[in-house]
């Protein structure tokens, strides 16, 4: 019996050694965005030998031209808006000057600091980085340039790129996408944004407070159609107060140099931004023959991010779900846990927070009121920030906290917060939901006073008809 045990152990050791000789790496991650680089680090933390391919810049779209630079710009615009509103606090300001070169430097420094930080973390955790594009994958072999490596497992995290709509004349004029808007050397006097989704609206609010005349054009019935109706109405009101022209149900007939024809109106512009969504980068998947979703826009994966070829995983924008940086990161963690056999868990889409960095901010998770009513007897509680002490004291009391729950058991099904710092506050409700708490636990949570977060407690107490400051 002892001899048999020794032989089995020896065979396992030999098998492991053969596997190590067969592949150069345990895992190859293709794409260094917020999904790819964190997954590579997590796998390295699990003791895997990992290589990361990134042909452009570490951090991907989010860090270099998306989430981070846009938030830096929105912060600058927020400061400018505060200065303009200073008089209501008894502060007189005049002759405020904007140096756009310094604005750009601030944004560039933020991005540079974070990109360097990503590089440091990868190096610290022993992840090898290859600064090149992958040109071909065959089974476990990966080609790049004139070189080739092999990996036991492969994770595709190739992200997405701006979608360019087929508008007449667009191919003959200069325009920007989110990949290029932050490279401007000077602030334009006028900007037309085609696309009234999250990106388009955020960019409108990034530039309008700085002095740019912004026109926002959306072909759908309203802007921010993916968001709560009451929340988007508050944002739309604020956009109009900032002097932003909003055109919805637009029919764009033609674009020429520095002018766009919408319905019967011709609008002049210095700069044109196309913000009409993103297309997935699935060329590698197509070449490999991986199964796609029915609409051919995404890679089909199972609960553990495995594709139709079990040794290849996919995460981020290229799979169905939310095209959000934090969603990509956690999809990567699911894949990493599955590869490392480290108690892998499925990702619950209803627990992913969704954030819009407008003024006021919108943050949400889970089911909307309409979605919840399909399967539940729903109760919706809503508390307006107009009754919140800190919001009033800070001069920013527009917004609300809405919680969607099951009437019988008080199960939290979803929530929407609209107002200042909503994107920070939403995690409080989500944490209670994640710990299987109900409206009862949320209503008994003690919130500090005065804080905007007290509004969460008021909304929870309203479930029992016990909200104190509800108007």
Protein backbone atom coordinates (compact mmCIF):
# COMPACT_ATOMS: atom_id res chain seq x y z
CA UNK A 1 0.00 0.00 0.00
CA UNK A 2 2.87 2.36 0.88
CA UNK A 3 4.61 1.56 -2.42
CA UNK A 4 1.42 2.35 -4.37
CA UNK A 5 1.11 5.73 -2.61
CA UNK A 6 4.70 6.63 -3.48
CA UNK A 7 4.15 5.66 -7.14
CA UNK A 8 0.96 7.77 -7.39
CA UNK A 9 2.73 10.75 -5.83
CA UNK A 10 5.69 10.34 -8.19
CA UNK A 11 3.38 10.10 -11.20
CA UNK A 12 1.60 13.30 -10.20
CA UNK A 13 4.93 15.12 -9.79
CA UNK A 14 6.13 13.88 -13.17
CA UNK A 15 2.83 14.88 -14.80
CA UNK A 16 3.11 18.37 -13.32
CA UNK A 17 6.71 18.69 -14.52
CA UNK A 18 5.71 17.60 -18.03
CA UNK A 19 2.95 20.22 -18.06
CA UNK A 20 5.45 22.89 -17.01
CA UNK A 21 7.75 21.87 -19.88
CA UNK A 22 4.86 21.77 -22.33
CA UNK A 23 3.79 25.40 -21.80
CA UNK A 24 5.86 28.56 -21.24
CA UNK A 25 3.20 30.00 -18.91
CA UNK A 26 0.32 28.86 -16.79
CA UNK A 27 -1.85 31.74 -18.03
CA UNK A 28 -1.60 34.33 -20.80
CA UNK A 29 -3.83 37.38 -20.44
CA UNK A 30 -4.45 39.31 -23.66
CA UNK A 31 -5.33 42.93 -22.91
CA UNK A 32 -4.04 45.17 -20.13
CA UNK A 33 -7.18 47.11 -19.26
CA UNK A 34 -8.97 47.05 -15.88
CA UNK A 35 -10.13 43.50 -16.54
CA UNK A 36 -6.84 42.13 -17.85
CA UNK A 37 -4.24 43.61 -15.53
CA UNK A 38 -6.10 42.88 -12.26
CA UNK A 39 -6.75 39.31 -13.40
CA UNK A 40 -3.08 38.84 -14.22
CA UNK A 41 -2.11 40.10 -10.76
CA UNK A 42 -4.70 37.90 -9.02
CA UNK A 43 -3.42 34.81 -10.83
CA UNK A 44 0.15 35.70 -9.90
CA UNK A 45 -0.99 36.02 -6.27
CA UNK A 46 -2.28 32.46 -6.62
CA UNK A 47 1.20 31.33 -7.61
CA UNK A 48 0.62 31.08 -11.36
CA UNK A 49 3.25 32.00 -13.95
CA UNK A 50 1.51 34.78 -15.91
CA UNK A 51 2.24 36.81 -19.03
CA UNK A 52 0.21 39.89 -19.99
CA UNK A 53 0.01 41.25 -23.55
CA UNK A 54 -0.79 44.94 -24.08
CA UNK A 55 -0.07 46.57 -27.45
CA UNK A 56 -0.98 50.11 -26.44
CA UNK A 57 -0.91 51.39 -22.88
CA UNK A 58 -1.33 49.60 -19.58
CA UNK A 59 -4.69 50.40 -18.04
CA UNK A 60 -6.50 50.20 -21.38
CA UNK A 61 -9.29 52.50 -22.49
CA UNK A 62 -10.58 53.15 -18.97
CA UNK A 63 -7.37 54.49 -17.51
CA UNK A 64 -5.92 56.22 -20.57
CA UNK A 65 -8.83 57.75 -22.48
CA UNK A 66 -12.01 56.81 -20.59
CA UNK A 67 -13.02 56.57 -16.94
CA UNK A 68 -10.02 58.29 -15.35
CA UNK A 69 -9.35 61.29 -17.65
CA UNK A 70 -13.08 61.98 -17.93
CA UNK A 71 -13.42 62.05 -14.13
CA UNK A 72 -10.42 64.38 -13.89
CA UNK A 73 -12.12 66.72 -16.38
CA UNK A 74 -15.45 66.48 -14.56
CA UNK A 75 -13.72 67.40 -11.30
CA UNK A 76 -12.24 70.53 -12.92
CA UNK A 77 -15.66 71.47 -14.29
CA UNK A 78 -17.19 70.87 -10.86
CA UNK A 79 -14.71 73.33 -9.34
CA UNK A 80 -15.58 75.90 -12.01
CA UNK A 81 -19.30 75.44 -11.36
CA UNK A 82 -18.73 75.88 -7.61
CA UNK A 83 -16.85 79.11 -8.23
CA UNK A 84 -19.72 80.40 -10.39
CA UNK A 85 -22.21 79.54 -7.62
CA UNK A 86 -20.06 81.02 -4.84
CA UNK A 87 -22.21 84.13 -4.56
CA UNK A 88 -25.06 82.18 -2.98
CA UNK A 89 -22.67 81.41 -0.10
CA UNK A 90 -21.81 85.09 0.29
CA UNK A 91 -18.52 84.85 -1.62
CA UNK A 92 -17.92 87.32 -4.44
CA UNK A 93 -15.73 86.12 -7.30
CA UNK A 94 -14.81 87.91 -10.48
CA UNK A 95 -12.40 87.72 -13.37
CA UNK A 96 -12.03 83.92 -13.13
CA UNK A 97 -9.46 82.72 -15.67
CA UNK A 98 -9.09 79.26 -17.20
CA UNK A 99 -5.71 78.03 -18.45
CA UNK A 100 -6.58 75.00 -20.57
CA UNK A 101 -2.94 73.95 -20.90
CA UNK A 102 -2.86 73.50 -17.11
CA UNK A 103 -6.20 71.69 -17.23
CA UNK A 104 -4.69 69.26 -19.73
CA UNK A 105 -1.54 68.89 -17.64
CA UNK A 106 -3.60 68.02 -14.57
CA UNK A 107 -5.48 65.34 -16.51
CA UNK A 108 -2.25 63.98 -18.04
CA UNK A 109 -0.54 63.81 -14.64
CA UNK A 110 -3.46 61.87 -13.13
CA UNK A 111 -3.35 59.35 -15.98
CA UNK A 112 0.45 59.07 -15.90
CA UNK A 113 0.49 58.43 -12.15
CA UNK A 114 -2.03 55.62 -12.45
CA UNK A 115 -0.43 54.01 -15.54
CA UNK A 116 2.92 53.96 -13.76
CA UNK A 117 1.18 52.48 -10.73
CA UNK A 118 -0.25 49.63 -12.82
CA UNK A 119 3.19 48.88 -14.24
CA UNK A 120 4.67 48.83 -10.74
CA UNK A 121 1.99 46.46 -9.43
CA UNK A 122 2.47 44.03 -12.31
CA UNK A 123 6.22 44.00 -11.77
CA UNK A 124 5.83 43.67 -8.00
CA UNK A 125 3.64 40.60 -8.45
CA UNK A 126 5.93 38.96 -10.99
CA UNK A 127 3.69 39.32 -14.05
CA UNK A 128 5.68 39.43 -17.28
CA UNK A 129 4.44 42.18 -19.61
CA UNK A 130 4.86 41.96 -23.37
CA UNK A 131 4.21 45.32 -25.04
CA UNK A 132 2.88 43.95 -28.31
CA UNK A 133 -0.32 42.84 -29.99
CA UNK A 134 -1.24 39.18 -30.29
CA UNK A 135 -1.69 38.32 -33.97
CA UNK A 136 -2.76 34.70 -33.77
CA UNK A 137 -3.87 31.99 -31.35
CA UNK A 138 -3.77 28.30 -32.23
CA UNK A 139 -4.83 25.99 -29.42
CA UNK A 140 -2.34 26.96 -26.67
CA UNK A 141 0.14 28.77 -28.92
CA UNK A 142 0.14 32.57 -29.06
CA UNK A 143 1.92 34.51 -31.82
CA UNK A 144 3.00 38.15 -31.56
CA UNK A 145 5.31 39.90 -34.01
CA UNK A 146 7.80 37.22 -35.05
CA UNK A 147 7.64 35.49 -31.71
CA UNK A 148 5.54 32.77 -30.16
CA UNK A 149 4.80 31.50 -26.65
CA UNK A 150 2.44 28.92 -25.21
CA UNK A 151 0.12 28.95 -22.21
CA UNK A 152 -1.99 26.32 -20.51
CA UNK A 153 -4.85 28.82 -20.17
CA UNK A 154 -5.64 31.99 -22.10
CA UNK A 155 -7.81 34.92 -21.02
CA UNK A 156 -9.15 37.30 -23.67
CA UNK A 157 -9.64 40.83 -22.34
CA UNK A 158 -9.43 42.76 -25.60
CA UNK A 159 -12.06 45.37 -24.79
CA UNK A 160 -13.89 47.57 -27.25
CA UNK A 161 -13.55 50.62 -29.48
CA UNK A 162 -15.82 53.56 -30.37
CA UNK A 163 -18.70 52.79 -32.72
CA UNK A 164 -18.92 55.16 -35.68
CA UNK A 165 -22.49 55.43 -37.03
CA UNK A 166 -23.20 55.61 -40.79
CA UNK A 167 -24.08 59.32 -40.94
CA UNK A 168 -23.89 60.94 -44.36
CA UNK A 169 -20.77 63.09 -44.68
CA UNK A 170 -19.17 61.91 -41.44
CA UNK A 171 -16.38 60.13 -43.30
CA UNK A 172 -15.40 63.42 -44.96
CA UNK A 173 -15.03 65.60 -41.86
CA UNK A 174 -12.77 65.71 -38.83
CA UNK A 175 -14.36 64.41 -35.65
CA UNK A 176 -13.34 63.09 -32.26
CA UNK A 177 -14.26 60.04 -30.23
CA UNK A 178 -13.54 59.41 -26.58
CA UNK A 179 -10.17 58.04 -27.74
CA UNK A 180 -9.08 61.50 -28.90
CA UNK A 181 -11.16 64.16 -27.12
CA UNK A 182 -8.67 64.56 -24.28
CA UNK A 183 -5.79 65.32 -26.64
CA UNK A 184 -7.14 68.79 -27.47
CA UNK A 185 -4.54 71.51 -26.96
CA UNK A 186 -7.14 74.26 -26.53
CA UNK A 187 -10.73 74.59 -25.35
CA UNK A 188 -13.19 74.77 -28.26
CA UNK A 189 -15.72 77.59 -28.36
CA UNK A 190 -18.43 75.20 -29.53
CA UNK A 191 -18.91 71.45 -29.35
CA UNK A 192 -21.56 69.20 -30.87
CA UNK A 193 -21.92 65.78 -29.23
CA UNK A 194 -23.75 63.08 -31.17
CA UNK A 195 -24.99 60.56 -28.61
CA UNK A 196 -26.96 61.24 -25.45
CA UNK A 197 -25.90 58.18 -23.50
CA UNK A 198 -23.73 58.13 -20.40
CA UNK A 199 -20.50 59.11 -22.17
CA UNK A 200 -22.08 61.89 -24.23
CA UNK A 201 -23.82 63.49 -21.24
CA UNK A 202 -20.71 63.27 -19.05
CA UNK A 203 -18.66 64.97 -21.76
CA UNK A 204 -21.28 67.69 -22.14
CA UNK A 205 -20.95 68.46 -18.44
CA UNK A 206 -17.17 68.25 -18.59
CA UNK A 207 -16.86 71.08 -21.12
CA UNK A 208 -19.92 73.34 -20.72
CA UNK A 209 -18.91 74.79 -17.29
CA UNK A 210 -15.50 75.68 -18.75
CA UNK A 211 -17.12 77.98 -21.30
CA UNK A 212 -17.74 75.76 -24.33
CA UNK A 213 -21.13 76.06 -26.01
CA UNK A 214 -22.37 72.45 -26.08
CA UNK A 215 -25.15 70.92 -28.17
CA UNK A 216 -26.18 67.36 -27.29
CA UNK A 217 -27.91 65.38 -30.04
CA UNK A 218 -29.72 62.09 -29.40
CA UNK A 219 -31.82 60.12 -31.91
CA UNK A 220 -33.76 58.29 -29.17
CA UNK A 221 -36.75 59.72 -27.30
CA UNK A 222 -34.62 60.96 -24.41
CA UNK A 223 -31.06 61.13 -23.10
CA UNK A 224 -29.74 58.53 -20.63
CA UNK A 225 -32.36 56.00 -21.64
CA UNK A 226 -30.70 53.26 -19.57
CA UNK A 227 -31.24 55.21 -16.34
CA UNK A 228 -34.14 55.79 -13.94
CA UNK A 229 -36.68 58.18 -15.48
CA UNK A 230 -36.87 60.54 -12.48
CA UNK A 231 -33.07 60.65 -12.25
CA UNK A 232 -32.56 61.47 -15.89
CA UNK A 233 -35.15 64.25 -15.67
CA UNK A 234 -33.11 65.85 -12.86
CA UNK A 235 -29.92 65.57 -14.91
CA UNK A 236 -31.64 67.01 -17.98
CA UNK A 237 -32.84 69.97 -15.94
CA UNK A 238 -29.28 70.62 -14.75
CA UNK A 239 -27.92 70.36 -18.29
CA UNK A 240 -30.35 73.03 -19.43
CA UNK A 241 -29.37 75.25 -16.49
CA UNK A 242 -25.75 74.97 -17.66
CA UNK A 243 -26.78 76.27 -21.07
CA UNK A 244 -26.45 72.92 -22.85
CA UNK A 245 -28.81 72.56 -25.81
CA UNK A 246 -30.47 69.14 -25.91
CA UNK A 247 -32.03 67.78 -29.09
CA UNK A 248 -33.83 64.42 -28.80
CA UNK A 249 -35.67 62.36 -31.43
CA UNK A 250 -33.15 63.90 -33.79
CA UNK A 251 -32.95 63.13 -37.49
CA UNK A 252 -29.39 63.82 -38.63
CA UNK A 253 -29.43 64.21 -42.40
CA UNK A 254 -25.89 65.36 -43.13
CA UNK A 255 -22.58 66.51 -41.67
CA UNK A 256 -20.26 68.93 -43.42
CA UNK A 257 -17.16 70.78 -42.30
CA UNK A 258 -18.01 72.56 -39.03
CA UNK A 259 -21.77 72.11 -39.39
CA UNK A 260 -24.38 69.41 -38.86
CA UNK A 261 -27.93 69.36 -40.21
CA UNK A 262 -30.48 68.09 -37.68
CA UNK A 263 -34.09 68.01 -38.82
CA UNK A 264 -34.45 71.41 -40.51
CA UNK A 265 -31.80 73.16 -38.43
CA UNK A 266 -28.11 73.62 -39.25
CA UNK A 267 -25.83 73.78 -36.21
CA UNK A 268 -22.31 75.22 -36.41
CA UNK A 269 -19.48 73.70 -34.38
CA UNK A 270 -15.76 73.98 -33.83
CA UNK A 271 -15.42 70.41 -32.57
CA UNK A 272 -17.56 67.31 -33.15
CA UNK A 273 -17.64 64.37 -30.72
CA UNK A 274 -19.16 61.05 -31.75
CA UNK A 275 -20.28 59.22 -28.59
CA UNK A 276 -22.65 56.59 -29.93
CA UNK A 277 -21.49 53.51 -28.04
CA UNK A 278 -18.73 50.95 -28.53
CA UNK A 279 -17.97 47.91 -30.69
CA UNK A 280 -16.33 44.83 -29.18
CA UNK A 281 -12.85 43.74 -30.26
CA UNK A 282 -13.59 40.09 -31.06
CA UNK A 283 -11.33 39.59 -34.08
CA UNK A 284 -9.12 37.09 -32.23
CA UNK A 285 -12.17 35.14 -31.10
CA UNK A 286 -13.48 35.03 -34.66
CA UNK A 287 -10.15 33.76 -35.94
CA UNK A 288 -10.02 31.02 -33.29
CA UNK A 289 -13.57 29.92 -34.04
CA UNK A 290 -14.91 30.55 -30.55
CA UNK A 291 -18.69 30.50 -30.27
CA UNK A 292 -20.33 33.93 -30.26
CA UNK A 293 -23.72 35.06 -28.99
CA UNK A 294 -26.67 34.90 -31.35
CA UNK A 295 -26.24 38.54 -32.43
CA UNK A 296 -22.53 37.90 -33.14
CA UNK A 297 -21.51 40.91 -31.04
CA UNK A 298 -20.12 39.13 -27.99
CA UNK A 299 -18.23 35.99 -27.00
CA UNK A 300 -20.43 33.38 -25.35
CA UNK A 301 -19.15 32.28 -21.93
CA UNK A 302 -20.35 30.07 -19.09
CA UNK A 303 -20.72 31.09 -15.44
CA UNK A 304 -16.95 30.87 -14.96
CA UNK A 305 -16.05 32.94 -18.07
CA UNK A 306 -15.01 29.88 -20.11
CA UNK A 307 -15.60 30.06 -23.84
CA UNK A 308 -16.54 27.15 -26.11
CA UNK A 309 -12.85 26.21 -25.94
CA UNK A 310 -12.38 25.33 -22.26
CA UNK A 311 -8.80 26.58 -21.92
CA UNK A 312 -9.77 30.01 -23.26
CA UNK A 313 -11.65 32.47 -21.07
CA UNK A 314 -13.14 35.88 -21.94
CA UNK A 315 -13.94 38.89 -19.76
CA UNK A 316 -14.92 42.55 -20.02
CA UNK A 317 -16.57 44.37 -22.89
CA UNK A 318 -16.30 41.37 -25.23
CA UNK A 319 -18.84 39.27 -23.29
CA UNK A 320 -22.53 39.94 -22.52
CA UNK A 321 -23.24 42.08 -19.46
CA UNK A 322 -22.31 45.55 -18.30
CA UNK A 323 -19.47 47.26 -20.17
CA UNK A 324 -17.99 48.64 -16.96
CA UNK A 325 -14.44 48.56 -15.63
CA UNK A 326 -15.38 47.08 -12.26
CA UNK A 327 -17.55 44.44 -13.94
CA UNK A 328 -14.57 43.40 -16.09
CA UNK A 329 -12.32 43.20 -13.02
CA UNK A 330 -14.71 40.90 -11.15
CA UNK A 331 -15.31 38.76 -14.22
CA UNK A 332 -11.54 38.36 -14.23
CA UNK A 333 -11.57 37.29 -10.59
CA UNK A 334 -14.18 34.63 -11.42
CA UNK A 335 -11.97 33.33 -14.24
CA UNK A 336 -8.85 33.43 -12.03
CA UNK A 337 -10.57 31.49 -9.24
CA UNK A 338 -11.76 28.88 -11.73
CA UNK A 339 -8.30 28.44 -13.25
CA UNK A 340 -6.67 28.23 -9.81
CA UNK A 341 -9.45 25.98 -8.48
CA UNK A 342 -9.87 28.47 -5.65
CA UNK A 343 -13.54 28.05 -4.72
CA UNK A 344 -14.88 29.79 -7.87
CA UNK A 345 -18.12 31.73 -7.50
CA UNK A 346 -20.59 32.89 -10.11
CA UNK A 347 -20.98 36.61 -10.74
CA UNK A 348 -24.40 38.00 -9.84
CA UNK A 349 -25.19 40.74 -12.35
CA UNK A 350 -27.79 42.26 -10.00
CA UNK A 351 -25.02 43.12 -7.54
CA UNK A 352 -22.96 45.19 -9.97
CA UNK A 353 -23.29 48.95 -9.26
CA UNK A 354 -23.87 51.22 -12.25
CA UNK A 355 -22.60 54.79 -12.01
CA UNK A 356 -23.15 57.95 -14.05
CA UNK A 357 -20.86 60.84 -13.12
CA UNK A 358 -23.18 63.64 -14.12
CA UNK A 359 -24.45 66.51 -11.97
CA UNK A 360 -26.34 65.23 -10.09
CA UNK A 361 -24.73 61.79 -10.10
CA UNK A 362 -26.81 58.66 -10.71
CA UNK A 363 -25.94 55.33 -9.11
CA UNK A 364 -27.98 52.15 -9.19
CA UNK A 365 -27.91 48.36 -8.96
CA UNK A 366 -30.24 45.42 -9.36
CA UNK A 367 -33.74 45.48 -10.78
CA UNK A 368 -35.60 48.59 -11.82
CA UNK A 369 -39.14 49.14 -10.57
CA UNK A 370 -40.56 47.88 -13.87
CA UNK A 371 -38.31 44.80 -13.97
CA UNK A 372 -39.04 43.87 -10.36
CA UNK A 373 -42.81 43.95 -10.89
CA UNK A 374 -42.56 41.06 -13.35
CA UNK A 375 -41.76 38.51 -10.62
CA UNK A 376 -42.36 40.26 -7.28
CA UNK A 377 -45.01 42.07 -5.27
CA UNK A 378 -43.01 45.29 -5.16
CA UNK A 379 -42.83 48.14 -2.71
CA UNK A 380 -40.86 51.27 -3.70
CA UNK A 381 -39.67 53.75 -1.09
CA UNK A 382 -38.27 57.12 -2.05
CA UNK A 383 -36.75 59.89 0.03
CA UNK A 384 -36.01 63.31 -1.46
CA UNK A 385 -32.72 64.98 -0.52
CA UNK A 386 -34.65 68.24 -0.13
CA UNK A 387 -35.29 67.11 3.45
CA UNK A 388 -31.68 66.20 4.24
CA UNK A 389 -29.82 68.57 6.58
CA UNK A 390 -26.33 68.23 5.13
CA UNK A 391 -27.54 68.45 1.53
CA UNK A 392 -29.37 71.69 2.37
CA UNK A 393 -26.37 73.09 4.25
CA UNK A 394 -24.09 72.32 1.31
CA UNK A 395 -26.50 73.99 -1.11
CA UNK A 396 -27.00 70.85 -3.16
CA UNK A 397 -30.27 69.21 -2.17
CA UNK A 398 -31.52 68.01 -5.55
CA UNK A 399 -31.93 64.26 -5.82
CA UNK A 400 -33.39 61.24 -4.05
CA UNK A 401 -32.85 57.74 -2.68
CA UNK A 402 -35.14 55.08 -4.14
CA UNK A 403 -35.16 51.46 -2.95
CA UNK A 404 -37.06 48.69 -4.73
CA UNK A 405 -37.95 45.78 -2.46
CA UNK A 406 -40.20 42.78 -2.09
CA UNK A 407 -43.28 43.79 -0.07
CA UNK A 408 -43.63 40.50 1.83
CA UNK A 409 -40.10 39.89 3.08
CA UNK A 410 -38.42 43.25 2.57
CA UNK A 411 -35.79 41.71 0.27
CA UNK A 412 -33.77 44.45 -1.44
CA UNK A 413 -34.18 44.01 -5.20
CA UNK A 414 -32.59 47.20 -6.48
CA UNK A 415 -31.87 50.83 -5.70
CA UNK A 416 -31.30 54.19 -7.34
CA UNK A 417 -29.56 57.17 -5.77
CA UNK A 418 -29.50 60.49 -7.58
CA UNK A 419 -27.60 63.40 -6.08
CA UNK A 420 -24.18 64.57 -4.97
CA UNK A 421 -21.80 61.67 -4.23
CA UNK A 422 -24.44 59.10 -5.22
CA UNK A 423 -21.72 56.88 -6.69
CA UNK A 424 -20.09 56.65 -3.25
CA UNK A 425 -23.35 56.12 -1.35
CA UNK A 426 -24.80 53.26 -3.40
CA UNK A 427 -22.40 50.70 -1.91
CA UNK A 428 -24.01 51.10 1.52
CA UNK A 429 -27.29 49.61 0.29
CA UNK A 430 -25.46 47.05 -1.83
CA UNK A 431 -23.41 45.90 1.18
CA UNK A 432 -26.60 45.19 3.12
CA UNK A 433 -28.00 43.24 0.17
CA UNK A 434 -24.74 41.27 -0.22
CA UNK A 435 -24.87 40.25 3.44
CA UNK A 436 -28.47 39.06 2.88
CA UNK A 437 -29.90 41.91 4.89
CA UNK A 438 -33.40 43.21 4.25
CA UNK A 439 -35.16 46.56 4.60
CA UNK A 440 -35.46 45.74 8.31
CA UNK A 441 -31.67 45.60 8.79
CA UNK A 442 -31.17 48.70 6.61
CA UNK A 443 -33.76 50.68 8.57
CA UNK A 444 -32.05 49.80 11.89
CA UNK A 445 -28.60 50.85 10.68
CA UNK A 446 -27.39 53.96 12.53
CA UNK A 447 -26.22 56.69 10.16
CA UNK A 448 -24.11 59.61 11.38
CA UNK A 449 -25.71 63.05 11.48
CA UNK A 450 -25.48 65.21 9.50
CA UNK A 451 -24.68 63.11 6.43
CA UNK A 452 -26.32 62.62 3.06
CA UNK A 453 -26.25 58.87 3.80
CA UNK A 454 -28.99 59.42 6.38
CA UNK A 455 -31.31 59.56 3.37
CA UNK A 456 -30.72 55.84 2.87
CA UNK A 457 -32.01 55.16 6.38
CA UNK A 458 -35.01 57.43 5.81
CA UNK A 459 -35.89 55.58 2.60
CA UNK A 460 -35.59 52.23 4.41
CA UNK A 461 -37.74 53.47 7.31
CA UNK A 462 -40.37 54.58 4.80
CA UNK A 463 -40.88 50.87 3.98
CA UNK A 464 -42.51 50.60 7.43
CA UNK A 465 -44.17 54.02 7.22
CA UNK A 466 -41.75 55.39 9.83
CA UNK A 467 -39.64 57.95 7.93
CA UNK A 468 -39.21 61.02 10.14
CA UNK A 469 -38.22 63.72 7.67
CA UNK A 470 -40.30 62.61 4.69
CA UNK A 471 -42.21 65.52 3.19
